[in-house]
Amino acid sequence: YGGYGGGGGGYEGVHLSYQCHECFRNFNSQNELNMHMQVHRPRNVSCPICGETRFRSGANAVQHVESGYCSGCRGASNARDQIYRFASSQRSMNHYLTDPPMLTNGTGYGGGQTPAYPYCCPECS
């Protein structure tokens, strides 16, 4: 990464640019460069449901499940239940769940219905 030029101090009229060190494209801001850098990340994140490894981030894997195209949980409604079941099995996720299961059936998931609003932000609540 790297910016150059601009910002005053005798450089009036010079355009500040941020260049990608991978493909050498130029961007107008550090944020644009940061967003672009995601295309260079390896596709080594697996779907927690079907195990397919082809995603650049956990968020991309969740989008795959939520889309309803995951072979492990076809259909948007089933995908929603699968995501909640997975999140319920992760102890670190409990503070993001509106109704974390108190008793489980050994899988971390209580086996009940997925709540209508299953997630909450502990910072915003």
Protein backbone atom coordinates (compact mmCIF):
# COMPACT_ATOMS: atom_id res chain seq x y z
CA TYR A 1 0.00 0.00 0.00
CA GLY A 2 1.16 3.54 -0.05
CA GLY A 3 -0.03 7.04 -0.51
CA TYR A 4 1.88 9.90 -1.95
CA GLY A 5 1.44 13.57 -2.73
CA GLY A 6 -1.39 15.88 -1.60
CA GLY A 7 -2.50 17.20 1.72
CA GLY A 8 -1.02 20.70 1.60
CA GLY A 9 2.49 21.65 2.65
CA GLY A 10 3.57 22.85 -0.79
CA TYR A 11 1.80 20.13 -2.73
CA GLU A 12 -1.31 22.09 -3.82
CA GLY A 13 -2.90 20.61 -6.91
CA VAL A 14 -1.18 17.23 -6.46
CA HIS A 15 -3.69 14.36 -6.37
CA LEU A 16 -3.26 11.93 -3.49
CA SER A 17 -3.26 8.35 -4.75
CA TYR A 18 -3.10 4.96 -3.09
CA GLN A 19 -1.60 2.11 -5.06
CA CYS A 20 -2.21 -1.62 -4.68
CA HIS A 21 1.09 -3.44 -4.19
CA GLU A 22 -0.37 -6.57 -5.85
CA CYS A 23 -1.79 -5.28 -9.16
CA PHE A 24 -0.62 -1.64 -9.07
CA ARG A 25 -4.11 -0.13 -9.52
CA ASN A 26 -4.50 3.36 -8.07
CA PHE A 27 -7.30 4.46 -5.72
CA ASN A 28 -8.45 7.83 -4.39
CA SER A 29 -8.53 6.88 -0.72
CA GLN A 30 -7.11 4.40 1.75
CA ASN A 31 -10.63 3.04 2.24
CA GLU A 32 -11.01 2.32 -1.49
CA LEU A 33 -7.65 0.55 -1.46
CA ASN A 34 -8.61 -1.47 1.63
CA MET A 35 -11.87 -2.56 -0.02
CA HIS A 36 -9.99 -3.52 -3.20
CA MET A 37 -7.42 -5.58 -1.27
CA GLN A 38 -10.14 -8.11 -0.48
CA VAL A 39 -9.94 -9.39 -4.07
CA HIS A 40 -6.37 -10.51 -3.36
CA ARG A 41 -7.24 -12.51 -0.23
CA PRO A 42 -7.00 -16.29 -0.55
CA ARG A 43 -10.20 -18.30 -0.87
CA ASN A 44 -9.49 -20.50 2.14
CA VAL A 45 -12.60 -20.07 4.33
CA SER A 46 -14.98 -23.03 4.50
CA CYS A 47 -18.75 -23.03 4.71
CA PRO A 48 -19.70 -24.19 8.23
CA ILE A 49 -22.60 -26.22 6.81
CA CYS A 50 -21.42 -27.98 3.63
CA GLY A 51 -17.65 -27.62 4.17
CA GLU A 52 -17.00 -26.17 0.73
CA THR A 53 -13.75 -24.14 0.84
CA ARG A 54 -13.95 -21.26 -1.63
CA PHE A 55 -14.66 -18.11 0.34
CA ARG A 56 -12.45 -15.12 1.15
CA SER A 57 -14.12 -14.37 4.48
CA GLY A 58 -16.57 -15.71 7.01
CA ALA A 59 -19.06 -13.10 5.82
CA ASN A 60 -18.85 -14.54 2.30
CA ALA A 61 -19.50 -18.05 3.65
CA VAL A 62 -22.56 -16.79 5.54
CA GLN A 63 -23.85 -15.10 2.36
CA HIS A 64 -23.49 -18.45 0.60
CA VAL A 65 -25.62 -20.17 3.26
CA GLU A 66 -28.18 -17.34 3.47
CA SER A 67 -28.61 -17.37 -0.31
CA GLY A 68 -30.21 -20.80 -0.06
CA TYR A 69 -27.72 -22.33 -2.52
CA CYS A 70 -25.66 -24.21 0.07
CA SER A 71 -25.90 -27.92 -0.73
CA GLY A 72 -26.06 -28.66 3.00
CA CYS A 73 -29.23 -26.63 3.58
CA ARG A 74 -31.17 -25.82 0.44
CA GLY A 75 -33.81 -23.13 0.87
CA ALA A 76 -33.64 -19.77 2.65
CA SER A 77 -35.76 -20.86 5.62
CA ASN A 78 -33.67 -23.97 6.22
CA ALA A 79 -30.50 -21.90 5.76
CA ARG A 80 -31.66 -19.48 8.45
CA ASP A 81 -32.19 -22.38 10.86
CA GLN A 82 -28.79 -23.87 9.98
CA ILE A 83 -27.02 -20.56 10.63
CA TYR A 84 -28.77 -20.17 13.98
CA ARG A 85 -27.93 -23.77 14.87
CA PHE A 86 -24.26 -23.17 14.00
CA ALA A 87 -24.14 -19.88 15.94
CA SER A 88 -25.81 -21.55 18.92
CA SER A 89 -23.09 -24.19 18.99
CA GLN A 90 -20.34 -21.56 19.25
CA ARG A 91 -19.92 -20.41 22.85
CA SER A 92 -18.31 -17.16 21.66
CA MET A 93 -21.49 -16.30 19.73
CA ASN A 94 -23.88 -16.50 22.70
CA HIS A 95 -23.74 -12.76 23.44
CA TYR A 96 -25.00 -12.10 19.88
CA LEU A 97 -28.03 -14.38 20.24
CA THR A 98 -31.27 -12.91 21.57
CA ASP A 99 -32.33 -16.22 23.09
CA PRO A 100 -29.30 -18.50 23.55
CA PRO A 101 -30.25 -22.08 24.39
CA MET A 102 -29.80 -22.89 28.08
CA LEU A 103 -29.93 -26.66 27.62
CA THR A 104 -28.57 -28.39 24.58
CA ASN A 105 -28.91 -31.79 22.97
CA GLY A 106 -25.16 -32.28 22.70
CA THR A 107 -24.78 -30.24 19.52
CA GLY A 108 -24.94 -26.87 21.24
CA TYR A 109 -28.41 -26.34 19.80
CA GLY A 110 -31.46 -26.77 22.00
CA GLY A 111 -33.52 -28.09 19.10
CA GLY A 112 -36.26 -25.47 19.47
CA GLN A 113 -37.56 -22.97 16.97
CA THR A 114 -35.29 -20.27 15.59
CA PRO A 115 -36.49 -17.00 17.19
CA ALA A 116 -38.11 -14.41 14.89
CA TYR A 117 -35.23 -12.00 15.66
CA PRO A 118 -32.39 -14.35 16.56
CA TYR A 119 -29.51 -11.87 16.76
CA CYS A 120 -28.71 -8.72 18.71
CA CYS A 121 -25.74 -6.41 18.98
CA PRO A 122 -24.52 -6.27 22.61
CA GLU A 123 -23.05 -2.83 21.92
CA CYS A 124 -26.31 -1.33 20.59
CA SER A 125 -28.80 -3.03 22.90
